[in-house]
């Protein structure tokens, strides 16, 4: 929903309906500033009201409130594409191929917590780590740019299979020569995009992806989106969306 303001009497009705809803309600509210409130009143006669009060009321009512339009569209993507997937907890694992991505993602975890990987999972990951470069002391795995499509996918599937992991984020810097990420190879059945799309269909755990690349990689992104994966342009947006999705569902229990 896009909300500029509420007329007298509408506020109570709105929040009563929100509390009764069995579906996620996503809201972006404009008219937060004095200038914005004046603009809203000039063409809708809506009363914008105090934004802090609106924020507190939406939180109490279980509304997912986006603070920016970018967040609104990011949240819309994950709640629509993963509508049939319900996280069982907030334990997260990540697989990235550049170290800075895991650091950025870790800063945005908020209510997500890094999973404690099962010993069997660590053993499988150790066997897959043919280059001996992956730090297995954390659930936020940097598999380095040396990981090819299949190896990258193997890491993702291994953490998806771990009973200690509730959700997974994948962050890809697609410029690696080891990956089939260009427009001519993105739709190859063995490309990372195709393999991740298959994992999304196979597993019920929420899985989100970020692709830190320009328009050259649009086809790479399209393959995953067509497979039902929410794809973002940076790890920060991906993890924030995943956190909002997981927090909403856990609060419904």
Foldseek 3Di string as FASTA:
>chain_A
DEAAAADPPVVVVVLVVLLPDPAAAEYEYWPQDVVSQVVCCVPPVHGNPHVVVVVVSCVVSLHHYDDDVVLRVLLVLQCVLLVVFAFPDQAEAEEEADVVQLVLLVVQQVRHDHFDFDPVLLVQLVVLLPVPPWDSRTRHTHSHLVQAQVSSLSNVVSLLPTPRHRAYEYEYAPPRPRFQQFPVRLPPCSGNLNSVLVVPVVGRGYYEYEYQDDPRRVNNVVSNVVSSHSYHNGSNSRSNSVSSRNVSSVVVD
